Amino acid sequence: MRPLALVLFCVASTALAAWSPVFAQARLPRAAAATRMTCAEAMDLVKREGDVVIAVGPAPERFVRGRNQCDFSEIAELRFVPTKDNPQCPIGYRCREPGFEEWNW
């Protein structure tokens, strides 16, 4: 029984090692700076990439194309950021957890 368990363990760990590079290649969001782009360029970047980290003010924020890029428990909130040509450009959505008062009881 023990040799069989050892063989099964070796086969399983070999298969896992072969697939680990596939799982390690998860796509990270692209980074950019909003003040260096026009409003149209920023909106196109978010639309094209789907998930982008953009430097807005002191801390970068994650912007997404739509609700389907957010976690199940998050809501998508439209965000306006300053760009090179527009002080309030609606470039995309920010995923956030809803507050207690926002739940529809």
C-alpha atoms as a PDB file:
ATOM      1  CA  MET A   1       0.000   0.000   0.000  1.00  0.00           C
ATOM      2  CA  ARG A   2       2.784   2.430   0.816  1.00  0.00           C
ATOM      3  CA  PRO A   3       4.630   2.107  -2.527  1.00  0.00           C
ATOM      4  CA  LEU A   4       1.363   2.773  -4.367  1.00  0.00           C
ATOM      5  CA  ALA A   5       0.700   5.877  -2.289  1.00  0.00           C
ATOM      6  CA  LEU A   6       4.241   7.107  -2.996  1.00  0.00           C
ATOM      7  CA  VAL A   7       3.801   6.573  -6.733  1.00  0.00           C
ATOM      8  CA  LEU A   8       0.480   8.414  -6.717  1.00  0.00           C
ATOM      9  CA  PHE A   9       2.024  11.278  -4.760  1.00  0.00           C
ATOM     10  CA  CYS A  10       4.916  11.531  -7.243  1.00  0.00           C
ATOM     11  CA  VAL A  11       2.571  11.525 -10.225  1.00  0.00           C
ATOM     12  CA  ALA A  12       0.334  14.171  -8.685  1.00  0.00           C
ATOM     13  CA  SER A  13       3.238  16.441  -7.716  1.00  0.00           C
ATOM     14  CA  THR A  14       4.787  16.095 -11.191  1.00  0.00           C
ATOM     15  CA  ALA A  15       1.507  17.066 -12.818  1.00  0.00           C
ATOM     16  CA  LEU A  16       1.167  20.015 -10.455  1.00  0.00           C
ATOM     17  CA  ALA A  17       4.716  21.165 -11.202  1.00  0.00           C
ATOM     18  CA  ALA A  18       4.015  21.000 -14.930  1.00  0.00           C
ATOM     19  CA  TRP A  19       0.919  23.189 -14.604  1.00  0.00           C
ATOM     20  CA  SER A  20       2.334  25.723 -12.104  1.00  0.00           C
ATOM     21  CA  PRO A  21       3.800  28.056 -14.789  1.00  0.00           C
ATOM     22  CA  VAL A  22       0.339  28.303 -16.331  1.00  0.00           C
ATOM     23  CA  PHE A  23      -1.173  29.446 -13.043  1.00  0.00           C
ATOM     24  CA  ALA A  24       1.762  31.770 -12.282  1.00  0.00           C
ATOM     25  CA  GLN A  25       1.129  33.792 -15.441  1.00  0.00           C
ATOM     26  CA  ALA A  26      -1.906  35.603 -14.060  1.00  0.00           C
ATOM     27  CA  ARG A  27      -2.360  38.923 -15.829  1.00  0.00           C
ATOM     28  CA  LEU A  28      -1.522  41.931 -13.700  1.00  0.00           C
ATOM     29  CA  PRO A  29      -3.244  45.257 -14.331  1.00  0.00           C
ATOM     30  CA  ARG A  30      -1.343  47.713 -16.504  1.00  0.00           C
ATOM     31  CA  ALA A  31      -0.036  50.883 -14.794  1.00  0.00           C
ATOM     32  CA  ALA A  32      -0.332  54.428 -16.206  1.00  0.00           C
ATOM     33  CA  ALA A  33      -0.546  58.088 -15.151  1.00  0.00           C
ATOM     34  CA  ALA A  34      -3.801  59.953 -15.857  1.00  0.00           C
ATOM     35  CA  THR A  35      -2.320  63.457 -16.046  1.00  0.00           C
ATOM     36  CA  ARG A  36      -0.061  62.447 -18.945  1.00  0.00           C
ATOM     37  CA  MET A  37      -2.974  61.280 -21.131  1.00  0.00           C
ATOM     38  CA  THR A  38      -5.943  62.952 -22.768  1.00  0.00           C
ATOM     39  CA  CYS A  39      -9.414  61.952 -21.665  1.00  0.00           C
ATOM     40  CA  ALA A  40      -9.983  59.930 -24.838  1.00  0.00           C
ATOM     41  CA  GLU A  41      -6.666  58.087 -24.410  1.00  0.00           C
ATOM     42  CA  ALA A  42      -7.410  57.228 -20.762  1.00  0.00           C
ATOM     43  CA  MET A  43     -10.933  56.013 -21.568  1.00  0.00           C
ATOM     44  CA  ASP A  44      -9.585  53.932 -24.458  1.00  0.00           C
ATOM     45  CA  LEU A  45      -6.884  52.406 -22.246  1.00  0.00           C
ATOM     46  CA  VAL A  46      -9.413  51.263 -19.654  1.00  0.00           C
ATOM     47  CA  LYS A  47     -11.782  50.010 -22.355  1.00  0.00           C
ATOM     48  CA  ARG A  48      -9.031  48.127 -24.209  1.00  0.00           C
ATOM     49  CA  GLU A  49      -7.212  46.628 -21.183  1.00  0.00           C
ATOM     50  CA  GLY A  50     -10.256  46.051 -18.973  1.00  0.00           C
ATOM     51  CA  ASP A  51      -8.232  46.358 -15.745  1.00  0.00           C
ATOM     52  CA  VAL A  52      -5.772  49.248 -15.306  1.00  0.00           C
ATOM     53  CA  VAL A  53      -3.921  50.813 -12.376  1.00  0.00           C
ATOM     54  CA  ILE A  54      -3.727  54.577 -12.888  1.00  0.00           C
ATOM     55  CA  ALA A  55      -1.824  57.079 -10.777  1.00  0.00           C
ATOM     56  CA  VAL A  56      -4.371  59.633  -9.586  1.00  0.00           C
ATOM     57  CA  GLY A  57      -3.106  61.975  -6.904  1.00  0.00           C
ATOM     58  CA  PRO A  58      -0.923  60.518  -4.137  1.00  0.00           C
ATOM     59  CA  ALA A  59      -2.024  56.884  -4.528  1.00  0.00           C
ATOM     60  CA  PRO A  60      -2.720  54.757  -7.610  1.00  0.00           C
ATOM     61  CA  GLU A  61      -6.219  53.402  -8.151  1.00  0.00           C
ATOM     62  CA  ARG A  62      -7.531  50.375 -10.040  1.00  0.00           C
ATOM     63  CA  PHE A  63     -10.014  51.166 -12.796  1.00  0.00           C
ATOM     64  CA  VAL A  64     -12.061  48.572 -14.647  1.00  0.00           C
ATOM     65  CA  ARG A  65     -14.145  48.474 -17.809  1.00  0.00           C
ATOM     66  CA  GLY A  66     -17.283  47.175 -16.160  1.00  0.00           C
ATOM     67  CA  ARG A  67     -18.954  45.352 -13.305  1.00  0.00           C
ATOM     68  CA  ASN A  68     -17.719  41.947 -14.464  1.00  0.00           C
ATOM     69  CA  GLN A  69     -14.125  42.829 -13.442  1.00  0.00           C
ATOM     70  CA  CYS A  70     -15.200  43.397  -9.810  1.00  0.00           C
ATOM     71  CA  ASP A  71     -15.477  40.722  -7.140  1.00  0.00           C
ATOM     72  CA  PHE A  72     -18.911  39.273  -6.425  1.00  0.00           C
ATOM     73  CA  SER A  73     -19.337  41.322  -3.246  1.00  0.00           C
ATOM     74  CA  GLU A  74     -18.172  44.614  -4.792  1.00  0.00           C
ATOM     75  CA  ILE A  75     -20.043  47.298  -6.699  1.00  0.00           C
ATOM     76  CA  ALA A  76     -18.739  49.296  -9.665  1.00  0.00           C
ATOM     77  CA  GLU A  77     -18.696  53.053  -9.107  1.00  0.00           C
ATOM     78  CA  LEU A  78     -18.104  55.462 -12.014  1.00  0.00           C
ATOM     79  CA  ARG A  79     -14.977  57.544 -11.370  1.00  0.00           C
ATOM     80  CA  PHE A  80     -13.981  60.916 -12.760  1.00  0.00           C
ATOM     81  CA  VAL A  81     -10.261  61.768 -12.784  1.00  0.00           C
ATOM     82  CA  PRO A  82      -8.269  64.766 -14.039  1.00  0.00           C
ATOM     83  CA  THR A  83      -6.487  64.182 -17.334  1.00  0.00           C
ATOM     84  CA  LYS A  84      -4.343  66.402 -19.539  1.00  0.00           C
ATOM     85  CA  ASP A  85      -7.342  67.996 -21.266  1.00  0.00           C
ATOM     86  CA  ASN A  86     -10.306  67.375 -18.929  1.00  0.00           C
ATOM     87  CA  PRO A  87     -10.473  68.019 -15.159  1.00  0.00           C
ATOM     88  CA  GLN A  88     -13.311  65.477 -14.748  1.00  0.00           C
ATOM     89  CA  CYS A  89     -12.871  62.650 -17.230  1.00  0.00           C
ATOM     90  CA  PRO A  90     -15.143  59.577 -16.752  1.00  0.00           C
ATOM     91  CA  ILE A  91     -12.484  56.991 -17.561  1.00  0.00           C
ATOM     92  CA  GLY A  92     -14.017  53.901 -15.978  1.00  0.00           C
ATOM     93  CA  TYR A  93     -15.242  52.246 -12.824  1.00  0.00           C
ATOM     94  CA  ARG A  94     -13.722  51.595  -9.408  1.00  0.00           C
ATOM     95  CA  CYS A  95     -14.613  48.404  -7.565  1.00  0.00           C
ATOM     96  CA  ARG A  96     -15.475  48.872  -3.903  1.00  0.00           C
ATOM     97  CA  GLU A  97     -17.308  47.156  -1.098  1.00  0.00           C
ATOM     98  CA  PRO A  98     -20.695  48.773  -0.440  1.00  0.00           C
ATOM     99  CA  GLY A  99     -21.210  50.404   2.927  1.00  0.00           C
ATOM    100  CA  PHE A 100     -23.743  49.115   5.438  1.00  0.00           C
ATOM    101  CA  GLU A 101     -26.165  51.936   4.610  1.00  0.00           C
ATOM    102  CA  GLU A 102     -26.100  51.019   0.905  1.00  0.00           C
ATOM    103  CA  TRP A 103     -27.524  47.530   1.334  1.00  0.00           C
ATOM    104  CA  ASN A 104     -31.163  47.241   0.318  1.00  0.00           C
ATOM    105  CA  TRP A 105     -32.691  45.634   3.410  1.00  0.00           C
END
